[in-house]
Amino acid sequence: MPRPFFTAPQLREHNAAVAGAGPARILEAAARAFHPDLAFACSLGLEDMVLLDLMAALELRPRVFFLDTGRLHQETYDTLAAARQRYGPIQVLFPQAAAVEALVAAKGPNSFYDSLEDRKECCRIRKVEPLGRALAGASAWITGLRRDQAATRGELAVFEADAANGGLTKISPLLDWTLEQTWAYLREHKVPHNPLHDLGFPSIGCAPCTRAVAPGEDLRAGRWWWENPEHKECGLHARPPLEAKR
């Protein structure tokens, strides 16, 4: 049985304890608080590769999982292979085949271009539902979110209640890092990364929904580029309005 989820006072206490701390100290605090009920959702992006490397250096062993939507770039699969070779097992979860088949039968393979609602439906089937299965039994999960990645992430806390997933604790050790700090760590420690990052892809998701960005564009400009910035989340990091204002 996973331990009880953190209360609001406990979250405030943990955020106060790690105020100004680096990601290594935050990861150690998360491991102390939540082992063995701690999971890491690894997208294989720059930030998550930093976290994988830090966990290995700290000899931390949370359960690591990756969501395969079935629409990813080949470069992402190559990065998965490199990550597993260097860091060990990574659980891979897939969407429910029947749900994908029903969606494609009803709306075709590219319905996500038709409307915001259709795009969110595709994300829900391919990403959000598998995430729910991946987090079953966990009391906390680690993400690679950073504040400057998107307008939707500016008010996040390092430790916060994830209302979208029943109230378990979501932990973002790299929240206050910049993109430059992330790249500096990767280069210094020779951490493998998705080669698409070198081709102008700061954020990488499904192949049909991701493009390179031009110099000076927002970091999330290449994700769902046909949508407004405030909508550019897939649902994995949804925050109900009351929580976002807390």
C-alpha atoms as a PDB file:
ATOM      1  CA  MET A   1       0.000   0.000   0.000  1.00  0.00           C
ATOM      2  CA  PRO A   2       1.370   3.465  -0.901  1.00  0.00           C
ATOM      3  CA  ARG A   3       1.716   5.867   1.988  1.00  0.00           C
ATOM      4  CA  PRO A   4      -0.886   8.652   2.429  1.00  0.00           C
ATOM      5  CA  PHE A   5      -0.523  11.625   0.094  1.00  0.00           C
ATOM      6  CA  PHE A   6       1.063  14.797   1.487  1.00  0.00           C
ATOM      7  CA  THR A   7      -1.230  17.404   2.988  1.00  0.00           C
ATOM      8  CA  ALA A   8      -0.999  21.107   2.075  1.00  0.00           C
ATOM      9  CA  PRO A   9       1.019  21.902   5.266  1.00  0.00           C
ATOM     10  CA  GLN A  10       3.440  19.055   4.489  1.00  0.00           C
ATOM     11  CA  LEU A  11       3.914  20.369   0.943  1.00  0.00           C
ATOM     12  CA  ARG A  12       4.648  23.864   2.264  1.00  0.00           C
ATOM     13  CA  GLU A  13       7.136  22.388   4.735  1.00  0.00           C
ATOM     14  CA  HIS A  14       8.962  20.436   2.017  1.00  0.00           C
ATOM     15  CA  ASN A  15       9.059  23.425  -0.331  1.00  0.00           C
ATOM     16  CA  ALA A  16      10.491  25.579   2.446  1.00  0.00           C
ATOM     17  CA  ALA A  17      13.121  22.924   3.206  1.00  0.00           C
ATOM     18  CA  VAL A  18      14.405  22.875  -0.387  1.00  0.00           C
ATOM     19  CA  ALA A  19      14.091  26.595  -1.130  1.00  0.00           C
ATOM     20  CA  GLY A  20      17.176  27.557  -3.129  1.00  0.00           C
ATOM     21  CA  ALA A  21      18.422  23.956  -3.244  1.00  0.00           C
ATOM     22  CA  GLY A  22      19.809  22.299  -6.335  1.00  0.00           C
ATOM     23  CA  PRO A  23      18.186  19.324  -8.048  1.00  0.00           C
ATOM     24  CA  ALA A  24      20.437  16.745  -6.365  1.00  0.00           C
ATOM     25  CA  ARG A  25      19.309  17.832  -2.904  1.00  0.00           C
ATOM     26  CA  ILE A  26      15.674  17.863  -4.038  1.00  0.00           C
ATOM     27  CA  LEU A  27      15.979  14.334  -5.435  1.00  0.00           C
ATOM     28  CA  GLU A  28      17.497  13.126  -2.170  1.00  0.00           C
ATOM     29  CA  ALA A  29      14.658  14.744  -0.202  1.00  0.00           C
ATOM     30  CA  ALA A  30      12.110  13.092  -2.506  1.00  0.00           C
ATOM     31  CA  ALA A  31      13.744   9.696  -2.065  1.00  0.00           C
ATOM     32  CA  ARG A  32      13.742  10.048   1.729  1.00  0.00           C
ATOM     33  CA  ALA A  33      10.093  11.096   1.787  1.00  0.00           C
ATOM     34  CA  PHE A  34       8.633   8.653  -0.725  1.00  0.00           C
ATOM     35  CA  HIS A  35      10.821   5.577  -1.271  1.00  0.00           C
ATOM     36  CA  PRO A  36       9.718   2.968  -2.341  1.00  0.00           C
ATOM     37  CA  ASP A  37       6.528   4.595  -3.685  1.00  0.00           C
ATOM     38  CA  LEU A  38       8.347   7.064  -5.953  1.00  0.00           C
ATOM     39  CA  ALA A  39       8.045   6.996  -9.755  1.00  0.00           C
ATOM     40  CA  PHE A  40       9.815   8.985 -12.470  1.00  0.00           C
ATOM     41  CA  ALA A  41       7.986   9.831 -15.706  1.00  0.00           C
ATOM     42  CA  CYS A  42      10.901   9.980 -18.150  1.00  0.00           C
ATOM     43  CA  SER A  43      10.091  11.567 -21.517  1.00  0.00           C
ATOM     44  CA  LEU A  44      13.755  11.303 -22.611  1.00  0.00           C
ATOM     45  CA  GLY A  45      13.876  15.068 -23.157  1.00  0.00           C
ATOM     46  CA  LEU A  46      16.884  17.120 -22.095  1.00  0.00           C
ATOM     47  CA  GLU A  47      15.619  17.645 -18.567  1.00  0.00           C
ATOM     48  CA  ASP A  48      14.703  14.026 -17.976  1.00  0.00           C
ATOM     49  CA  MET A  49      18.081  12.832 -19.207  1.00  0.00           C
ATOM     50  CA  VAL A  50      19.695  15.173 -16.648  1.00  0.00           C
ATOM     51  CA  LEU A  51      17.494  13.659 -13.945  1.00  0.00           C
ATOM     52  CA  LEU A  52      18.337  10.097 -15.024  1.00  0.00           C
ATOM     53  CA  ASP A  53      22.034  10.916 -14.785  1.00  0.00           C
ATOM     54  CA  LEU A  54      21.667  12.614 -11.397  1.00  0.00           C
ATOM     55  CA  MET A  55      19.719   9.662 -10.004  1.00  0.00           C
ATOM     56  CA  ALA A  56      22.413   7.282 -11.193  1.00  0.00           C
ATOM     57  CA  ALA A  57      25.133   9.417  -9.607  1.00  0.00           C
ATOM     58  CA  LEU A  58      23.184   9.570  -6.332  1.00  0.00           C
ATOM     59  CA  GLU A  59      22.379   5.843  -6.517  1.00  0.00           C
ATOM     60  CA  LEU A  60      18.652   6.563  -6.279  1.00  0.00           C
ATOM     61  CA  ARG A  61      16.331   3.890  -7.663  1.00  0.00           C
ATOM     62  CA  PRO A  62      12.812   5.189  -8.290  1.00  0.00           C
ATOM     63  CA  ARG A  63      10.661   3.268 -10.757  1.00  0.00           C
ATOM     64  CA  VAL A  64      11.353   4.837 -14.161  1.00  0.00           C
ATOM     65  CA  PHE A  65       8.761   4.677 -16.924  1.00  0.00           C
ATOM     66  CA  PHE A  66       8.329   6.022 -20.459  1.00  0.00           C
ATOM     67  CA  LEU A  67       5.076   6.568 -22.379  1.00  0.00           C
ATOM     68  CA  ASP A  68       5.187   5.325 -25.971  1.00  0.00           C
ATOM     69  CA  THR A  69       2.296   6.971 -27.801  1.00  0.00           C
ATOM     70  CA  GLY A  70       2.906   5.076 -31.032  1.00  0.00           C
ATOM     71  CA  ARG A  71       3.548   8.341 -32.929  1.00  0.00           C
ATOM     72  CA  LEU A  72       7.115   9.133 -31.861  1.00  0.00           C
ATOM     73  CA  HIS A  73      10.221  10.046 -33.872  1.00  0.00           C
ATOM     74  CA  GLN A  74      12.773   7.328 -34.579  1.00  0.00           C
ATOM     75  CA  GLU A  75      15.324   9.513 -32.798  1.00  0.00           C
ATOM     76  CA  THR A  76      13.281   9.190 -29.615  1.00  0.00           C
ATOM     77  CA  TYR A  77      13.387   5.400 -29.792  1.00  0.00           C
ATOM     78  CA  ASP A  78      17.151   5.575 -30.373  1.00  0.00           C
ATOM     79  CA  THR A  79      17.449   7.749 -27.246  1.00  0.00           C
ATOM     80  CA  LEU A  80      15.392   5.222 -25.279  1.00  0.00           C
ATOM     81  CA  ALA A  81      17.811   2.474 -26.310  1.00  0.00           C
ATOM     82  CA  ALA A  82      20.820   4.588 -25.293  1.00  0.00           C
ATOM     83  CA  ALA A  83      19.228   5.504 -21.951  1.00  0.00           C
ATOM     84  CA  ARG A  84      18.447   1.888 -21.107  1.00  0.00           C
ATOM     85  CA  GLN A  85      21.962   0.809 -21.999  1.00  0.00           C
ATOM     86  CA  ARG A  86      23.548   3.455 -19.754  1.00  0.00           C
ATOM     87  CA  TYR A  87      21.088   3.711 -16.870  1.00  0.00           C
ATOM     88  CA  GLY A  88      19.286   0.387 -16.729  1.00  0.00           C
ATOM     89  CA  PRO A  89      15.650  -0.715 -17.046  1.00  0.00           C
ATOM     90  CA  ILE A  90      12.969   1.751 -18.120  1.00  0.00           C
ATOM     91  CA  GLN A  91       9.395   0.525 -18.107  1.00  0.00           C
ATOM     92  CA  VAL A  92       7.559   1.294 -21.376  1.00  0.00           C
ATOM     93  CA  LEU A  93       3.791   1.796 -21.359  1.00  0.00           C
ATOM     94  CA  PHE A  94       1.511   1.950 -24.389  1.00  0.00           C
ATOM     95  CA  PRO A  95      -2.005   3.291 -24.959  1.00  0.00           C
ATOM     96  CA  GLN A  96      -4.905   0.863 -24.915  1.00  0.00           C
ATOM     97  CA  ALA A  97      -5.035  -0.627 -28.426  1.00  0.00           C
ATOM     98  CA  ALA A  98      -8.836  -0.733 -28.520  1.00  0.00           C
ATOM     99  CA  ALA A  99      -9.087   2.974 -27.671  1.00  0.00           C
ATOM    100  CA  VAL A 100      -6.595   3.943 -30.384  1.00  0.00           C
ATOM    101  CA  GLU A 101      -8.374   1.764 -32.943  1.00  0.00           C
ATOM    102  CA  ALA A 102     -11.742   3.295 -32.056  1.00  0.00           C
ATOM    103  CA  LEU A 103     -10.392   6.842 -32.333  1.00  0.00           C
ATOM    104  CA  VAL A 104      -8.794   6.238 -35.734  1.00  0.00           C
ATOM    105  CA  ALA A 105     -11.865   4.417 -37.014  1.00  0.00           C
ATOM    106  CA  ALA A 106     -14.138   7.284 -35.981  1.00  0.00           C
ATOM    107  CA  LYS A 107     -11.999  10.314 -36.811  1.00  0.00           C
ATOM    108  CA  GLY A 108      -9.014   9.195 -38.879  1.00  0.00           C
ATOM    109  CA  PRO A 109      -5.311   9.204 -38.003  1.00  0.00           C
ATOM    110  CA  ASN A 110      -4.864  12.995 -37.784  1.00  0.00           C
ATOM    111  CA  SER A 111      -7.910  14.233 -35.876  1.00  0.00           C
ATOM    112  CA  PHE A 112      -5.660  16.189 -33.492  1.00  0.00           C
ATOM    113  CA  TYR A 113      -5.324  18.886 -36.177  1.00  0.00           C
ATOM    114  CA  ASP A 114      -9.095  19.461 -36.351  1.00  0.00           C
ATOM    115  CA  SER A 115      -9.786  21.151 -33.015  1.00  0.00           C
ATOM    116  CA  LEU A 116      -8.419  21.652 -29.519  1.00  0.00           C
ATOM    117  CA  GLU A 117     -10.950  19.138 -28.215  1.00  0.00           C
ATOM    118  CA  ASP A 118      -9.872  16.523 -30.762  1.00  0.00           C
ATOM    119  CA  ARG A 119      -6.196  17.087 -29.955  1.00  0.00           C
ATOM    120  CA  LYS A 120      -6.848  16.710 -26.238  1.00  0.00           C
ATOM    121  CA  GLU A 121      -8.815  13.523 -26.922  1.00  0.00           C
ATOM    122  CA  CYS A 122      -5.830  12.041 -28.755  1.00  0.00           C
ATOM    123  CA  CYS A 123      -3.490  13.075 -25.927  1.00  0.00           C
ATOM    124  CA  ARG A 124      -5.869  11.620 -23.366  1.00  0.00           C
ATOM    125  CA  ILE A 125      -5.910   8.237 -25.107  1.00  0.00           C
ATOM    126  CA  ARG A 126      -2.233   8.081 -25.987  1.00  0.00           C
ATOM    127  CA  LYS A 127      -0.667   9.746 -22.929  1.00  0.00           C
ATOM    128  CA  VAL A 128      -2.971  10.601 -20.036  1.00  0.00           C
ATOM    129  CA  GLU A 129      -4.614   7.191 -19.645  1.00  0.00           C
ATOM    130  CA  PRO A 130      -1.263   5.337 -19.750  1.00  0.00           C
ATOM    131  CA  LEU A 131       0.122   7.808 -17.197  1.00  0.00           C
ATOM    132  CA  GLY A 132      -2.719   6.927 -14.854  1.00  0.00           C
ATOM    133  CA  ARG A 133      -1.808   3.257 -15.098  1.00  0.00           C
ATOM    134  CA  ALA A 134       1.875   4.051 -14.617  1.00  0.00           C
ATOM    135  CA  LEU A 135       1.178   5.994 -11.429  1.00  0.00           C
ATOM    136  CA  ALA A 136      -1.018   3.328  -9.862  1.00  0.00           C
ATOM    137  CA  GLY A 137       0.472   2.512  -6.458  1.00  0.00           C
ATOM    138  CA  ALA A 138       2.760   5.568  -6.386  1.00  0.00           C
ATOM    139  CA  SER A 139       2.518   8.290  -3.768  1.00  0.00           C
ATOM    140  CA  ALA A 140       4.735  10.716  -5.693  1.00  0.00           C
ATOM    141  CA  TRP A 141       6.200  11.184  -9.174  1.00  0.00           C
ATOM    142  CA  ILE A 142       9.154  13.103 -10.522  1.00  0.00           C
ATOM    143  CA  THR A 143       8.973  15.299 -13.628  1.00  0.00           C
ATOM    144  CA  GLY A 144      11.443  17.351 -15.645  1.00  0.00           C
ATOM    145  CA  LEU A 145       9.343  20.527 -15.675  1.00  0.00           C
ATOM    146  CA  ARG A 146      11.058  23.933 -15.701  1.00  0.00           C
ATOM    147  CA  ARG A 147       9.356  27.280 -15.139  1.00  0.00           C
ATOM    148  CA  ASP A 148      10.617  28.873 -18.342  1.00  0.00           C
ATOM    149  CA  GLN A 149       9.413  26.067 -20.611  1.00  0.00           C
ATOM    150  CA  ALA A 150       5.906  27.467 -21.030  1.00  0.00           C
ATOM    151  CA  ALA A 151       3.433  30.110 -19.885  1.00  0.00           C
ATOM    152  CA  THR A 152       1.473  27.314 -18.186  1.00  0.00           C
ATOM    153  CA  ARG A 153       4.396  26.394 -15.885  1.00  0.00           C
ATOM    154  CA  GLY A 154       5.456  29.686 -14.352  1.00  0.00           C
ATOM    155  CA  GLU A 155       3.659  29.258 -11.011  1.00  0.00           C
ATOM    156  CA  LEU A 156       4.560  25.646 -10.260  1.00  0.00           C
ATOM    157  CA  ALA A 157       6.092  24.567  -6.944  1.00  0.00           C
ATOM    158  CA  VAL A 158       8.841  21.966  -6.524  1.00  0.00           C
ATOM    159  CA  PHE A 159       6.525  19.819  -4.383  1.00  0.00           C
ATOM    160  CA  GLU A 160       2.831  20.158  -5.163  1.00  0.00           C
ATOM    161  CA  ALA A 161      -0.361  18.161  -5.034  1.00  0.00           C
ATOM    162  CA  ASP A 162      -1.311  16.690  -8.395  1.00  0.00           C
ATOM    163  CA  ALA A 163      -5.077  17.020  -8.344  1.00  0.00           C
ATOM    164  CA  ALA A 164      -5.341  15.562 -11.839  1.00  0.00           C
ATOM    165  CA  ASN A 165      -3.921  12.283 -10.515  1.00  0.00           C
ATOM    166  CA  GLY A 166      -5.817  11.922  -7.275  1.00  0.00           C
ATOM    167  CA  GLY A 167      -3.668  14.162  -5.089  1.00  0.00           C
ATOM    168  CA  LEU A 168      -0.322  12.374  -5.159  1.00  0.00           C
ATOM    169  CA  THR A 169       2.741  14.601  -4.928  1.00  0.00           C
ATOM    170  CA  LYS A 170       4.396  15.877  -8.102  1.00  0.00           C
ATOM    171  CA  ILE A 171       8.060  16.803  -7.751  1.00  0.00           C
ATOM    172  CA  SER A 172       9.983  19.014 -10.197  1.00  0.00           C
ATOM    173  CA  PRO A 173      13.676  19.126  -9.186  1.00  0.00           C
ATOM    174  CA  LEU A 174      14.749  21.235 -12.203  1.00  0.00           C
ATOM    175  CA  LEU A 175      11.994  23.813 -11.810  1.00  0.00           C
ATOM    176  CA  ASP A 176      14.340  26.778 -11.369  1.00  0.00           C
ATOM    177  CA  TRP A 177      16.955  25.712 -13.903  1.00  0.00           C
ATOM    178  CA  THR A 178      17.318  27.490 -17.233  1.00  0.00           C
ATOM    179  CA  LEU A 179      17.752  25.805 -20.589  1.00  0.00           C
ATOM    180  CA  GLU A 180      21.382  26.919 -20.537  1.00  0.00           C
ATOM    181  CA  GLN A 181      21.990  25.176 -17.192  1.00  0.00           C
ATOM    182  CA  THR A 182      20.373  22.033 -18.543  1.00  0.00           C
ATOM    183  CA  TRP A 183      22.615  21.964 -21.606  1.00  0.00           C
ATOM    184  CA  ALA A 184      25.694  22.733 -19.489  1.00  0.00           C
ATOM    185  CA  TYR A 185      25.044  19.685 -17.299  1.00  0.00           C
ATOM    186  CA  LEU A 186      24.476  17.416 -20.299  1.00  0.00           C
ATOM    187  CA  ARG A 187      27.716  18.496 -21.929  1.00  0.00           C
ATOM    188  CA  GLU A 188      29.809  18.362 -18.769  1.00  0.00           C
ATOM    189  CA  HIS A 189      28.654  14.836 -17.919  1.00  0.00           C
ATOM    190  CA  LYS A 190      28.436  13.613 -21.531  1.00  0.00           C
ATOM    191  CA  VAL A 191      24.819  12.547 -21.070  1.00  0.00           C
ATOM    192  CA  PRO A 192      23.160  11.062 -24.179  1.00  0.00           C
ATOM    193  CA  HIS A 193      20.327  13.129 -25.610  1.00  0.00           C
ATOM    194  CA  ASN A 194      17.843  13.089 -28.453  1.00  0.00           C
ATOM    195  CA  PRO A 195      19.647  14.337 -31.598  1.00  0.00           C
ATOM    196  CA  LEU A 196      16.548  16.314 -32.574  1.00  0.00           C
ATOM    197  CA  HIS A 197      17.522  18.789 -29.839  1.00  0.00           C
ATOM    198  CA  ASP A 198      20.566  19.649 -31.950  1.00  0.00           C
ATOM    199  CA  LEU A 199      18.284  20.356 -34.926  1.00  0.00           C
ATOM    200  CA  GLY A 200      16.203  23.058 -33.263  1.00  0.00           C
ATOM    201  CA  PHE A 201      13.698  20.946 -31.294  1.00  0.00           C
ATOM    202  CA  PRO A 202      13.737  22.273 -27.698  1.00  0.00           C
ATOM    203  CA  SER A 203      10.640  20.198 -26.861  1.00  0.00           C
ATOM    204  CA  ILE A 204       9.918  16.799 -28.413  1.00  0.00           C
ATOM    205  CA  GLY A 205       6.629  14.938 -28.368  1.00  0.00           C
ATOM    206  CA  CYS A 206       4.742  13.017 -31.023  1.00  0.00           C
ATOM    207  CA  ALA A 207       6.140  13.451 -34.535  1.00  0.00           C
ATOM    208  CA  PRO A 208       2.986  15.007 -36.075  1.00  0.00           C
ATOM    209  CA  CYS A 209       2.720  17.528 -33.229  1.00  0.00           C
ATOM    210  CA  THR A 210       6.353  18.641 -32.945  1.00  0.00           C
ATOM    211  CA  ARG A 211       8.506  20.846 -35.179  1.00  0.00           C
ATOM    212  CA  ALA A 212      11.770  22.725 -34.895  1.00  0.00           C
ATOM    213  CA  VAL A 213      11.627  26.362 -33.767  1.00  0.00           C
ATOM    214  CA  ALA A 214      13.339  29.393 -35.242  1.00  0.00           C
ATOM    215  CA  PRO A 215      15.929  31.379 -33.256  1.00  0.00           C
ATOM    216  CA  GLY A 216      14.146  33.621 -30.768  1.00  0.00           C
ATOM    217  CA  GLU A 217      10.889  31.653 -30.805  1.00  0.00           C
ATOM    218  CA  ASP A 218       9.295  30.468 -27.574  1.00  0.00           C
ATOM    219  CA  LEU A 219      10.579  27.104 -26.341  1.00  0.00           C
ATOM    220  CA  ARG A 220       7.120  25.572 -26.790  1.00  0.00           C
ATOM    221  CA  ALA A 221       6.477  27.143 -30.194  1.00  0.00           C
ATOM    222  CA  GLY A 222       7.202  23.819 -31.862  1.00  0.00           C
ATOM    223  CA  ARG A 223       4.531  21.933 -29.896  1.00  0.00           C
ATOM    224  CA  TRP A 224       0.980  22.126 -31.304  1.00  0.00           C
ATOM    225  CA  TRP A 225       2.039  25.266 -33.162  1.00  0.00           C
ATOM    226  CA  TRP A 226      -1.498  25.794 -34.449  1.00  0.00           C
ATOM    227  CA  GLU A 227      -2.811  26.416 -30.906  1.00  0.00           C
ATOM    228  CA  ASN A 228      -2.624  29.349 -28.500  1.00  0.00           C
ATOM    229  CA  PRO A 229       0.256  29.213 -25.945  1.00  0.00           C
ATOM    230  CA  GLU A 230      -2.065  28.871 -22.955  1.00  0.00           C
ATOM    231  CA  HIS A 231      -3.417  25.597 -24.381  1.00  0.00           C
ATOM    232  CA  LYS A 232      -0.082  23.880 -24.987  1.00  0.00           C
ATOM    233  CA  GLU A 233      -0.317  21.047 -22.480  1.00  0.00           C
ATOM    234  CA  CYS A 234      -1.182  17.446 -23.274  1.00  0.00           C
ATOM    235  CA  GLY A 235      -2.937  16.746 -19.986  1.00  0.00           C
ATOM    236  CA  LEU A 236      -0.033  15.069 -18.216  1.00  0.00           C
ATOM    237  CA  HIS A 237       0.522  18.271 -16.245  1.00  0.00           C
ATOM    238  CA  ALA A 238      -3.020  19.582 -16.063  1.00  0.00           C
ATOM    239  CA  ARG A 239      -3.796  21.908 -13.156  1.00  0.00           C
ATOM    240  CA  PRO A 240      -7.425  22.551 -12.225  1.00  0.00           C
ATOM    241  CA  PRO A 241      -8.155  26.301 -11.982  1.00  0.00           C
ATOM    242  CA  LEU A 242      -8.529  26.282  -8.180  1.00  0.00           C
ATOM    243  CA  GLU A 243      -5.196  24.512  -7.781  1.00  0.00           C
ATOM    244  CA  ALA A 244      -3.422  26.855 -10.175  1.00  0.00           C
ATOM    245  CA  LYS A 245      -4.508  29.851  -8.062  1.00  0.00           C
ATOM    246  CA  ARG A 246      -3.660  28.257  -4.726  1.00  0.00           C
END
